[in-house]
C-alpha cells in the first residue's frame, strides 16, 4: 500500500527567503574560509611570484615547499612545539581537576553560603587584580622562567566552571542518593557517577582549555625569559611581528631573504594552526550538547 503523503506547498515568498538565506550562508562561509585558504596557498607559493601576484589568490603561485623546508630547519619551532605540548597536557589536566572539583561543590544543594560563594567566584570573571599584581605574585612565588608560570595563573576558568556546574546539576539526585545508601562519599560520587554522565560537557571544557593553552602567548611573554622555554605561539610572534626569520635562511642571499621571509611567515602560521584544527572533528559532536547543557539554567 502506498502511504499518503501530505505535500506542503511553499509560497513564493518562503522560497525566496530560503534562497536568500542559502546565498547569505554561502557568502559568509566564503568570507570566513578565504583568509585560511589564502594563508595555505601563500605558504606553498614561490616567494618571487607571490610578491608579483595581485588580486585574489585562488591557488598556489608557482607551487613549492621551500618555505616549509626552512621552517623545519628552525630549532625553535620544534622546541616551541615541545614546550607547548608540556604546558597543554599538564595545564589541561590541572584545569579539568580543579574545574570538576569546583563545579561539583557549587552543584550541591545543601552547601552553606552557596550563593555568596558563587557570586564571589563570578565576580572574578569581570574584575581582576591586574597585570602588575599578577606579575609580582608569580615573581614572589619563584615561578618566573618555569612552566608553572604559564599554568597556575590560568588554572581555572570561571565561565567553564559555571558550564560544568550546570551540567552536574542536571544529573538526577536519585543516583546520588542511591550511591550514598551504598556508602559512597563525595569523591566516589564525583568520579564514578557525575563525571561518567557528563562526557559531553567534559569534552567541550577540555577543548576550551586546550585551545586556550595552545593559543596563549601573553603570559609566556611576561613570565618567560629563557628562550628554551618559549611556547610555539611566542616563537610565532617573534617571526611574524619582529620579522625574525634569519635563523632559517643562513644559506639564502640577502636579496632573497625579504621575499622568502613572507612565505615562511605563512608556513609558520599553517604549522602552528593545523594541529589544533585537527582536534575539532573529534569533539564537534559534543559541542552542541555540552554547551546547551550549560545554557539551560544558570
C-alpha atoms as a PDB file:
ATOM      1  CA  UNK A   1       0.000   0.000   0.000  1.00  0.00           C
ATOM      2  CA  UNK A   2       1.223   3.435  -0.811  1.00  0.00           C
ATOM      3  CA  UNK A   3       1.475   5.796   2.065  1.00  0.00           C
ATOM      4  CA  UNK A   4      -0.421   9.003   1.734  1.00  0.00           C
ATOM      5  CA  UNK A   5       1.977  11.881   1.701  1.00  0.00           C
ATOM      6  CA  UNK A   6       0.917  15.378   2.521  1.00  0.00           C
ATOM      7  CA  UNK A   7       2.874  17.841   0.435  1.00  0.00           C
ATOM      8  CA  UNK A   8       3.026  21.339   1.805  1.00  0.00           C
ATOM      9  CA  UNK A   9       3.483  23.834  -0.951  1.00  0.00           C
ATOM     10  CA  UNK A  10       5.661  26.727  -0.019  1.00  0.00           C
ATOM     11  CA  UNK A  11       4.733  30.161  -1.132  1.00  0.00           C
ATOM     12  CA  UNK A  12       6.898  32.219  -3.451  1.00  0.00           C
ATOM     13  CA  UNK A  13       7.926  34.444  -0.565  1.00  0.00           C
ATOM     14  CA  UNK A  14       9.106  31.451   1.500  1.00  0.00           C
ATOM     15  CA  UNK A  15      11.168  30.083  -1.385  1.00  0.00           C
ATOM     16  CA  UNK A  16      12.759  33.485  -1.989  1.00  0.00           C
ATOM     17  CA  UNK A  17      13.523  33.799   1.721  1.00  0.00           C
ATOM     18  CA  UNK A  18      15.108  30.311   1.789  1.00  0.00           C
ATOM     19  CA  UNK A  19      17.199  31.107  -1.289  1.00  0.00           C
ATOM     20  CA  UNK A  20      18.323  34.363   0.284  1.00  0.00           C
ATOM     21  CA  UNK A  21      19.383  32.516   3.458  1.00  0.00           C
ATOM     22  CA  UNK A  22      21.342  29.951   1.445  1.00  0.00           C
ATOM     23  CA  UNK A  23      23.160  32.642  -0.531  1.00  0.00           C
ATOM     24  CA  UNK A  24      23.887  34.577   2.655  1.00  0.00           C
ATOM     25  CA  UNK A  25      25.317  31.488   4.393  1.00  0.00           C
ATOM     26  CA  UNK A  26      27.464  30.652   1.364  1.00  0.00           C
ATOM     27  CA  UNK A  27      28.760  34.226   1.263  1.00  0.00           C
ATOM     28  CA  UNK A  28      29.581  34.182   4.989  1.00  0.00           C
ATOM     29  CA  UNK A  29      31.360  30.826   4.628  1.00  0.00           C
ATOM     30  CA  UNK A  30      33.451  32.186   1.762  1.00  0.00           C
ATOM     31  CA  UNK A  31      34.335  35.316   3.739  1.00  0.00           C
ATOM     32  CA  UNK A  32      35.480  33.233   6.724  1.00  0.00           C
ATOM     33  CA  UNK A  33      37.171  30.496   4.701  1.00  0.00           C
ATOM     34  CA  UNK A  34      39.128  32.607   2.220  1.00  0.00           C
ATOM     35  CA  UNK A  35      41.688  34.047   4.715  1.00  0.00           C
ATOM     36  CA  UNK A  36      42.533  30.481   5.770  1.00  0.00           C
ATOM     37  CA  UNK A  37      42.880  29.352   2.162  1.00  0.00           C
ATOM     38  CA  UNK A  38      44.941  32.445   1.333  1.00  0.00           C
ATOM     39  CA  UNK A  39      47.467  31.641   4.058  1.00  0.00           C
ATOM     40  CA  UNK A  40      47.598  27.999   2.934  1.00  0.00           C
ATOM     41  CA  UNK A  41      48.059  28.861  -0.749  1.00  0.00           C
ATOM     42  CA  UNK A  42      50.632  31.546   0.034  1.00  0.00           C
ATOM     43  CA  UNK A  43      52.685  29.126   2.142  1.00  0.00           C
ATOM     44  CA  UNK A  44      53.027  26.803  -0.884  1.00  0.00           C
ATOM     45  CA  UNK A  45      53.755  29.630  -3.341  1.00  0.00           C
ATOM     46  CA  UNK A  46      57.018  30.754  -4.839  1.00  0.00           C
ATOM     47  CA  UNK A  47      58.136  33.858  -2.953  1.00  0.00           C
ATOM     48  CA  UNK A  48      59.092  35.921  -6.017  1.00  0.00           C
ATOM     49  CA  UNK A  49      55.882  35.114  -7.888  1.00  0.00           C
ATOM     50  CA  UNK A  50      53.735  35.698  -4.789  1.00  0.00           C
ATOM     51  CA  UNK A  51      55.067  39.229  -4.387  1.00  0.00           C
ATOM     52  CA  UNK A  52      54.290  39.982  -8.036  1.00  0.00           C
ATOM     53  CA  UNK A  53      50.792  38.498  -7.773  1.00  0.00           C
ATOM     54  CA  UNK A  54      47.826  40.836  -7.406  1.00  0.00           C
ATOM     55  CA  UNK A  55      44.159  40.167  -6.781  1.00  0.00           C
ATOM     56  CA  UNK A  56      42.582  37.064  -5.254  1.00  0.00           C
ATOM     57  CA  UNK A  57      44.842  34.116  -4.551  1.00  0.00           C
ATOM     58  CA  UNK A  58      42.856  31.008  -5.528  1.00  0.00           C
ATOM     59  CA  UNK A  59      45.761  28.550  -5.801  1.00  0.00           C
ATOM     60  CA  UNK A  60      49.493  28.419  -5.013  1.00  0.00           C
ATOM     61  CA  UNK A  61      51.535  30.596  -7.358  1.00  0.00           C
ATOM     62  CA  UNK A  62      54.494  28.533  -8.525  1.00  0.00           C
ATOM     63  CA  UNK A  63      53.926  25.579  -6.177  1.00  0.00           C
ATOM     64  CA  UNK A  64      56.878  24.889  -3.883  1.00  0.00           C
ATOM     65  CA  UNK A  65      57.511  23.563  -0.384  1.00  0.00           C
ATOM     66  CA  UNK A  66      60.592  25.710   0.127  1.00  0.00           C
ATOM     67  CA  UNK A  67      59.032  27.693   2.978  1.00  0.00           C
ATOM     68  CA  UNK A  68      58.259  24.526   4.937  1.00  0.00           C
ATOM     69  CA  UNK A  69      61.814  23.290   4.441  1.00  0.00           C
ATOM     70  CA  UNK A  70      63.099  26.496   6.006  1.00  0.00           C
ATOM     71  CA  UNK A  71      60.617  26.175   8.873  1.00  0.00           C
ATOM     72  CA  UNK A  72      61.773  22.596   9.534  1.00  0.00           C
ATOM     73  CA  UNK A  73      65.346  23.887   9.884  1.00  0.00           C
ATOM     74  CA  UNK A  74      64.378  26.265  12.685  1.00  0.00           C
ATOM     75  CA  UNK A  75      65.154  24.514  16.017  1.00  0.00           C
ATOM     76  CA  UNK A  76      62.894  26.958  17.872  1.00  0.00           C
ATOM     77  CA  UNK A  77      59.817  25.578  16.089  1.00  0.00           C
ATOM     78  CA  UNK A  78      60.338  22.038  17.375  1.00  0.00           C
ATOM     79  CA  UNK A  79      61.328  23.321  20.814  1.00  0.00           C
ATOM     80  CA  UNK A  80      58.253  25.548  20.848  1.00  0.00           C
ATOM     81  CA  UNK A  81      56.075  22.558  19.947  1.00  0.00           C
ATOM     82  CA  UNK A  82      57.553  20.550  22.815  1.00  0.00           C
ATOM     83  CA  UNK A  83      57.082  23.388  25.320  1.00  0.00           C
ATOM     84  CA  UNK A  84      53.508  23.968  24.178  1.00  0.00           C
ATOM     85  CA  UNK A  85      52.665  20.264  24.486  1.00  0.00           C
ATOM     86  CA  UNK A  86      54.080  20.175  28.025  1.00  0.00           C
ATOM     87  CA  UNK A  87      52.006  23.192  29.035  1.00  0.00           C
ATOM     88  CA  UNK A  88      48.968  21.820  27.180  1.00  0.00           C
ATOM     89  CA  UNK A  89      48.978  18.364  28.779  1.00  0.00           C
ATOM     90  CA  UNK A  90      49.844  19.493  32.311  1.00  0.00           C
ATOM     91  CA  UNK A  91      47.656  22.593  32.119  1.00  0.00           C
ATOM     92  CA  UNK A  92      44.534  20.863  30.803  1.00  0.00           C
ATOM     93  CA  UNK A  93      44.925  18.081  33.400  1.00  0.00           C
ATOM     94  CA  UNK A  94      45.090  20.626  36.232  1.00  0.00           C
ATOM     95  CA  UNK A  95      42.267  22.669  34.665  1.00  0.00           C
ATOM     96  CA  UNK A  96      39.994  19.658  34.483  1.00  0.00           C
ATOM     97  CA  UNK A  97      40.677  18.545  38.064  1.00  0.00           C
ATOM     98  CA  UNK A  98      40.117  21.983  39.612  1.00  0.00           C
ATOM     99  CA  UNK A  99      37.126  22.819  37.414  1.00  0.00           C
ATOM    100  CA  UNK A 100      35.465  19.485  38.216  1.00  0.00           C
ATOM    101  CA  UNK A 101      36.001  19.917  41.961  1.00  0.00           C
ATOM    102  CA  UNK A 102      34.731  23.498  41.926  1.00  0.00           C
ATOM    103  CA  UNK A 103      31.716  22.632  39.758  1.00  0.00           C
ATOM    104  CA  UNK A 104      30.834  19.657  41.947  1.00  0.00           C
ATOM    105  CA  UNK A 105      30.969  21.795  45.081  1.00  0.00           C
ATOM    106  CA  UNK A 106      28.754  24.502  43.579  1.00  0.00           C
ATOM    107  CA  UNK A 107      26.268  21.951  42.241  1.00  0.00           C
ATOM    108  CA  UNK A 108      25.485  20.518  45.678  1.00  0.00           C
ATOM    109  CA  UNK A 109      22.165  21.661  47.135  1.00  0.00           C
ATOM    110  CA  UNK A 110      22.949  21.726  50.848  1.00  0.00           C
ATOM    111  CA  UNK A 111      26.109  23.852  50.748  1.00  0.00           C
ATOM    112  CA  UNK A 112      26.165  26.693  53.267  1.00  0.00           C
ATOM    113  CA  UNK A 113      26.717  30.180  51.857  1.00  0.00           C
ATOM    114  CA  UNK A 114      26.490  28.719  48.358  1.00  0.00           C
ATOM    115  CA  UNK A 115      25.057  31.849  46.758  1.00  0.00           C
ATOM    116  CA  UNK A 116      27.622  34.326  48.236  1.00  0.00           C
ATOM    117  CA  UNK A 117      30.461  31.987  47.270  1.00  0.00           C
ATOM    118  CA  UNK A 118      29.097  31.669  43.731  1.00  0.00           C
ATOM    119  CA  UNK A 119      28.783  35.448  43.416  1.00  0.00           C
ATOM    120  CA  UNK A 120      32.356  35.913  44.629  1.00  0.00           C
ATOM    121  CA  UNK A 121      33.581  33.437  42.015  1.00  0.00           C
ATOM    122  CA  UNK A 122      31.551  35.089  39.252  1.00  0.00           C
ATOM    123  CA  UNK A 123      32.971  38.458  40.336  1.00  0.00           C
ATOM    124  CA  UNK A 124      36.400  37.288  39.143  1.00  0.00           C
ATOM    125  CA  UNK A 125      35.029  36.987  35.593  1.00  0.00           C
ATOM    126  CA  UNK A 126      34.708  40.754  35.368  1.00  0.00           C
ATOM    127  CA  UNK A 127      37.364  42.113  37.727  1.00  0.00           C
ATOM    128  CA  UNK A 128      40.941  41.004  38.391  1.00  0.00           C
ATOM    129  CA  UNK A 129      43.954  42.329  40.239  1.00  0.00           C
ATOM    130  CA  UNK A 130      45.590  43.440  37.013  1.00  0.00           C
ATOM    131  CA  UNK A 131      48.764  42.567  35.173  1.00  0.00           C
ATOM    132  CA  UNK A 132      51.274  44.110  37.602  1.00  0.00           C
ATOM    133  CA  UNK A 133      49.937  42.400  40.772  1.00  0.00           C
ATOM    134  CA  UNK A 134      49.812  39.078  38.927  1.00  0.00           C
ATOM    135  CA  UNK A 135      53.407  39.527  37.773  1.00  0.00           C
ATOM    136  CA  UNK A 136      54.671  40.297  41.268  1.00  0.00           C
ATOM    137  CA  UNK A 137      52.688  37.358  42.666  1.00  0.00           C
ATOM    138  CA  UNK A 138      54.288  34.980  40.184  1.00  0.00           C
ATOM    139  CA  UNK A 139      57.697  36.516  40.871  1.00  0.00           C
ATOM    140  CA  UNK A 140      57.360  36.249  44.686  1.00  0.00           C
ATOM    141  CA  UNK A 141      56.347  32.609  44.328  1.00  0.00           C
ATOM    142  CA  UNK A 142      59.573  31.957  42.425  1.00  0.00           C
ATOM    143  CA  UNK A 143      57.761  30.800  39.289  1.00  0.00           C
ATOM    144  CA  UNK A 144      59.471  33.058  36.746  1.00  0.00           C
ATOM    145  CA  UNK A 145      61.059  31.167  33.851  1.00  0.00           C
ATOM    146  CA  UNK A 146      59.147  27.990  34.681  1.00  0.00           C
ATOM    147  CA  UNK A 147      56.315  26.092  33.045  1.00  0.00           C
ATOM    148  CA  UNK A 148      54.196  26.645  36.153  1.00  0.00           C
ATOM    149  CA  UNK A 149      54.140  30.368  35.369  1.00  0.00           C
ATOM    150  CA  UNK A 150      52.111  29.524  32.246  1.00  0.00           C
ATOM    151  CA  UNK A 151      49.859  27.017  34.044  1.00  0.00           C
ATOM    152  CA  UNK A 152      48.995  28.151  37.570  1.00  0.00           C
ATOM    153  CA  UNK A 153      47.721  31.716  36.801  1.00  0.00           C
ATOM    154  CA  UNK A 154      45.120  30.194  34.451  1.00  0.00           C
ATOM    155  CA  UNK A 155      44.469  27.026  36.454  1.00  0.00           C
ATOM    156  CA  UNK A 156      40.700  27.538  36.414  1.00  0.00           C
ATOM    157  CA  UNK A 157      38.283  29.471  34.235  1.00  0.00           C
ATOM    158  CA  UNK A 158      35.097  30.729  35.892  1.00  0.00           C
ATOM    159  CA  UNK A 159      32.970  30.510  32.753  1.00  0.00           C
ATOM    160  CA  UNK A 160      33.965  26.893  32.147  1.00  0.00           C
ATOM    161  CA  UNK A 161      33.263  26.022  35.766  1.00  0.00           C
ATOM    162  CA  UNK A 162      29.770  27.537  35.578  1.00  0.00           C
ATOM    163  CA  UNK A 163      29.028  25.476  32.456  1.00  0.00           C
ATOM    164  CA  UNK A 164      30.215  22.304  34.177  1.00  0.00           C
ATOM    165  CA  UNK A 165      28.306  23.158  37.366  1.00  0.00           C
ATOM    166  CA  UNK A 166      25.068  23.486  35.395  1.00  0.00           C
ATOM    167  CA  UNK A 167      25.733  20.133  33.758  1.00  0.00           C
ATOM    168  CA  UNK A 168      26.292  18.494  37.140  1.00  0.00           C
ATOM    169  CA  UNK A 169      23.065  19.996  38.480  1.00  0.00           C
ATOM    170  CA  UNK A 170      21.091  18.316  35.670  1.00  0.00           C
ATOM    171  CA  UNK A 171      22.075  14.825  36.882  1.00  0.00           C
ATOM    172  CA  UNK A 172      19.187  13.185  38.802  1.00  0.00           C
ATOM    173  CA  UNK A 173      19.650  13.378  42.558  1.00  0.00           C
ATOM    174  CA  UNK A 174      18.268   9.849  42.882  1.00  0.00           C
ATOM    175  CA  UNK A 175      21.569   8.486  41.570  1.00  0.00           C
ATOM    176  CA  UNK A 176      23.492  10.321  44.277  1.00  0.00           C
ATOM    177  CA  UNK A 177      21.063   9.195  46.961  1.00  0.00           C
ATOM    178  CA  UNK A 178      21.391   5.568  45.865  1.00  0.00           C
ATOM    179  CA  UNK A 179      25.170   5.855  45.966  1.00  0.00           C
ATOM    180  CA  UNK A 180      25.076   7.343  49.460  1.00  0.00           C
ATOM    181  CA  UNK A 181      22.939   4.439  50.663  1.00  0.00           C
ATOM    182  CA  UNK A 182      25.711   2.125  49.439  1.00  0.00           C
ATOM    183  CA  UNK A 183      28.235   4.152  51.455  1.00  0.00           C
ATOM    184  CA  UNK A 184      29.760   6.243  48.646  1.00  0.00           C
ATOM    185  CA  UNK A 185      31.477   9.502  49.551  1.00  0.00           C
ATOM    186  CA  UNK A 186      31.815  12.705  47.561  1.00  0.00           C
ATOM    187  CA  UNK A 187      34.901  11.616  45.605  1.00  0.00           C
ATOM    188  CA  UNK A 188      33.287   8.299  44.680  1.00  0.00           C
ATOM    189  CA  UNK A 189      30.100  10.054  43.532  1.00  0.00           C
ATOM    190  CA  UNK A 190      32.121  12.553  41.517  1.00  0.00           C
ATOM    191  CA  UNK A 191      34.443  10.037  39.849  1.00  0.00           C
ATOM    192  CA  UNK A 192      32.042   7.128  39.307  1.00  0.00           C
ATOM    193  CA  UNK A 193      28.680   8.835  38.747  1.00  0.00           C
ATOM    194  CA  UNK A 194      28.898  12.526  37.934  1.00  0.00           C
ATOM    195  CA  UNK A 195      31.896  12.577  35.569  1.00  0.00           C
ATOM    196  CA  UNK A 196      30.903   9.483  33.518  1.00  0.00           C
ATOM    197  CA  UNK A 197      27.460  11.036  32.952  1.00  0.00           C
ATOM    198  CA  UNK A 198      28.999  14.360  31.868  1.00  0.00           C
ATOM    199  CA  UNK A 199      31.216  13.224  28.999  1.00  0.00           C
ATOM    200  CA  UNK A 200      29.759  15.739  26.553  1.00  0.00           C
ATOM    201  CA  UNK A 201      30.400  18.808  28.684  1.00  0.00           C
ATOM    202  CA  UNK A 202      33.814  17.469  29.746  1.00  0.00           C
ATOM    203  CA  UNK A 203      34.830  17.125  26.081  1.00  0.00           C
ATOM    204  CA  UNK A 204      33.782  20.734  25.449  1.00  0.00           C
ATOM    205  CA  UNK A 205      35.615  22.023  28.528  1.00  0.00           C
ATOM    206  CA  UNK A 206      38.773  20.129  27.571  1.00  0.00           C
ATOM    207  CA  UNK A 207      38.587  21.656  24.101  1.00  0.00           C
ATOM    208  CA  UNK A 208      38.138  25.160  25.507  1.00  0.00           C
ATOM    209  CA  UNK A 209      41.126  24.772  27.802  1.00  0.00           C
ATOM    210  CA  UNK A 210      43.256  23.112  25.114  1.00  0.00           C
ATOM    211  CA  UNK A 211      42.632  25.923  22.622  1.00  0.00           C
ATOM    212  CA  UNK A 212      43.354  28.489  25.319  1.00  0.00           C
ATOM    213  CA  UNK A 213      46.705  26.922  26.207  1.00  0.00           C
ATOM    214  CA  UNK A 214      47.633  26.353  22.573  1.00  0.00           C
ATOM    215  CA  UNK A 215      46.987  29.990  21.623  1.00  0.00           C
ATOM    216  CA  UNK A 216      48.405  31.502  24.803  1.00  0.00           C
ATOM    217  CA  UNK A 217      51.456  33.713  24.410  1.00  0.00           C
ATOM    218  CA  UNK A 218      50.905  36.727  26.662  1.00  0.00           C
ATOM    219  CA  UNK A 219      51.716  35.004  29.968  1.00  0.00           C
ATOM    220  CA  UNK A 220      54.784  33.442  28.382  1.00  0.00           C
ATOM    221  CA  UNK A 221      55.909  36.864  27.190  1.00  0.00           C
ATOM    222  CA  UNK A 222      55.514  38.233  30.739  1.00  0.00           C
ATOM    223  CA  UNK A 223      56.999  35.402  32.767  1.00  0.00           C
ATOM    224  CA  UNK A 224      59.451  33.562  30.474  1.00  0.00           C
ATOM    225  CA  UNK A 225      62.868  34.994  29.612  1.00  0.00           C
ATOM    226  CA  UNK A 226      64.600  31.727  28.778  1.00  0.00           C
ATOM    227  CA  UNK A 227      64.182  31.195  25.029  1.00  0.00           C
ATOM    228  CA  UNK A 228      64.457  27.433  25.513  1.00  0.00           C
ATOM    229  CA  UNK A 229      61.080  27.533  27.293  1.00  0.00           C
ATOM    230  CA  UNK A 230      59.253  29.682  24.735  1.00  0.00           C
ATOM    231  CA  UNK A 231      55.931  28.095  23.667  1.00  0.00           C
ATOM    232  CA  UNK A 232      55.117  27.792  19.987  1.00  0.00           C
ATOM    233  CA  UNK A 233      52.893  30.876  19.877  1.00  0.00           C
ATOM    234  CA  UNK A 234      55.631  33.080  21.319  1.00  0.00           C
ATOM    235  CA  UNK A 235      58.036  31.761  18.679  1.00  0.00           C
ATOM    236  CA  UNK A 236      55.365  32.518  16.077  1.00  0.00           C
ATOM    237  CA  UNK A 237      55.004  36.036  17.456  1.00  0.00           C
ATOM    238  CA  UNK A 238      58.739  36.619  17.088  1.00  0.00           C
ATOM    239  CA  UNK A 239      58.665  35.506  13.480  1.00  0.00           C
ATOM    240  CA  UNK A 240      55.553  37.461  12.479  1.00  0.00           C
ATOM    241  CA  UNK A 241      55.936  40.696  14.419  1.00  0.00           C
ATOM    242  CA  UNK A 242      59.695  41.007  14.827  1.00  0.00           C
ATOM    243  CA  UNK A 243      60.413  39.547  11.363  1.00  0.00           C
ATOM    244  CA  UNK A 244      62.930  37.188  12.918  1.00  0.00           C
ATOM    245  CA  UNK A 245      63.431  34.650  10.108  1.00  0.00           C
ATOM    246  CA  UNK A 246      67.205  34.981   9.842  1.00  0.00           C
ATOM    247  CA  UNK A 247      67.967  31.701  11.608  1.00  0.00           C
ATOM    248  CA  UNK A 248      66.005  29.846   8.899  1.00  0.00           C
ATOM    249  CA  UNK A 249      67.746  31.460   5.915  1.00  0.00           C
ATOM    250  CA  UNK A 250      71.514  31.314   6.504  1.00  0.00           C
ATOM    251  CA  UNK A 251      72.063  29.778   3.066  1.00  0.00           C
ATOM    252  CA  UNK A 252      69.957  32.331   1.200  1.00  0.00           C
ATOM    253  CA  UNK A 253      71.264  35.525  -0.304  1.00  0.00           C
ATOM    254  CA  UNK A 254      70.427  38.820   1.340  1.00  0.00           C
ATOM    255  CA  UNK A 255      68.359  39.911  -1.650  1.00  0.00           C
ATOM    256  CA  UNK A 256      66.156  36.808  -1.420  1.00  0.00           C
ATOM    257  CA  UNK A 257      65.602  36.864   2.329  1.00  0.00           C
ATOM    258  CA  UNK A 258      62.879  39.516   2.299  1.00  0.00           C
ATOM    259  CA  UNK A 259      60.914  37.613  -0.357  1.00  0.00           C
ATOM    260  CA  UNK A 260      61.255  34.148   1.163  1.00  0.00           C
ATOM    261  CA  UNK A 261      60.563  35.591   4.600  1.00  0.00           C
ATOM    262  CA  UNK A 262      56.993  36.338   3.542  1.00  0.00           C
ATOM    263  CA  UNK A 263      56.209  32.744   2.563  1.00  0.00           C
ATOM    264  CA  UNK A 264      57.967  31.486   5.708  1.00  0.00           C
ATOM    265  CA  UNK A 265      55.558  33.530   7.832  1.00  0.00           C
ATOM    266  CA  UNK A 266      52.584  31.882   6.131  1.00  0.00           C
ATOM    267  CA  UNK A 267      54.148  28.443   6.550  1.00  0.00           C
ATOM    268  CA  UNK A 268      54.709  29.044  10.252  1.00  0.00           C
ATOM    269  CA  UNK A 269      51.054  30.057  10.662  1.00  0.00           C
ATOM    270  CA  UNK A 270      49.933  26.824   8.984  1.00  0.00           C
ATOM    271  CA  UNK A 271      52.315  24.689  11.046  1.00  0.00           C
ATOM    272  CA  UNK A 272      51.127  26.236  14.309  1.00  0.00           C
ATOM    273  CA  UNK A 273      47.417  26.137  13.439  1.00  0.00           C
ATOM    274  CA  UNK A 274      46.831  22.755  11.790  1.00  0.00           C
ATOM    275  CA  UNK A 275      47.349  20.557  14.909  1.00  0.00           C
ATOM    276  CA  UNK A 276      44.634  22.247  16.950  1.00  0.00           C
ATOM    277  CA  UNK A 277      42.275  22.289  13.935  1.00  0.00           C
ATOM    278  CA  UNK A 278      42.674  18.521  13.582  1.00  0.00           C
ATOM    279  CA  UNK A 279      41.184  18.019  17.047  1.00  0.00           C
ATOM    280  CA  UNK A 280      37.897  19.769  16.284  1.00  0.00           C
ATOM    281  CA  UNK A 281      36.287  16.988  14.178  1.00  0.00           C
ATOM    282  CA  UNK A 282      36.690  14.501  17.031  1.00  0.00           C
ATOM    283  CA  UNK A 283      34.867  16.645  19.611  1.00  0.00           C
ATOM    284  CA  UNK A 284      32.470  18.510  17.320  1.00  0.00           C
ATOM    285  CA  UNK A 285      29.576  16.150  18.098  1.00  0.00           C
ATOM    286  CA  UNK A 286      29.819  17.099  21.783  1.00  0.00           C
ATOM    287  CA  UNK A 287      29.762  20.871  21.237  1.00  0.00           C
ATOM    288  CA  UNK A 288      26.033  21.494  20.858  1.00  0.00           C
ATOM    289  CA  UNK A 289      25.038  19.064  23.590  1.00  0.00           C
ATOM    290  CA  UNK A 290      27.730  20.200  26.023  1.00  0.00           C
ATOM    291  CA  UNK A 291      27.233  23.933  25.584  1.00  0.00           C
ATOM    292  CA  UNK A 292      23.433  23.706  25.580  1.00  0.00           C
ATOM    293  CA  UNK A 293      23.542  21.894  28.914  1.00  0.00           C
ATOM    294  CA  UNK A 294      25.301  24.916  30.369  1.00  0.00           C
ATOM    295  CA  UNK A 295      22.774  27.284  28.822  1.00  0.00           C
ATOM    296  CA  UNK A 296      19.568  25.662  30.073  1.00  0.00           C
ATOM    297  CA  UNK A 297      19.700  27.142  33.526  1.00  0.00           C
ATOM    298  CA  UNK A 298      22.153  29.410  35.309  1.00  0.00           C
END
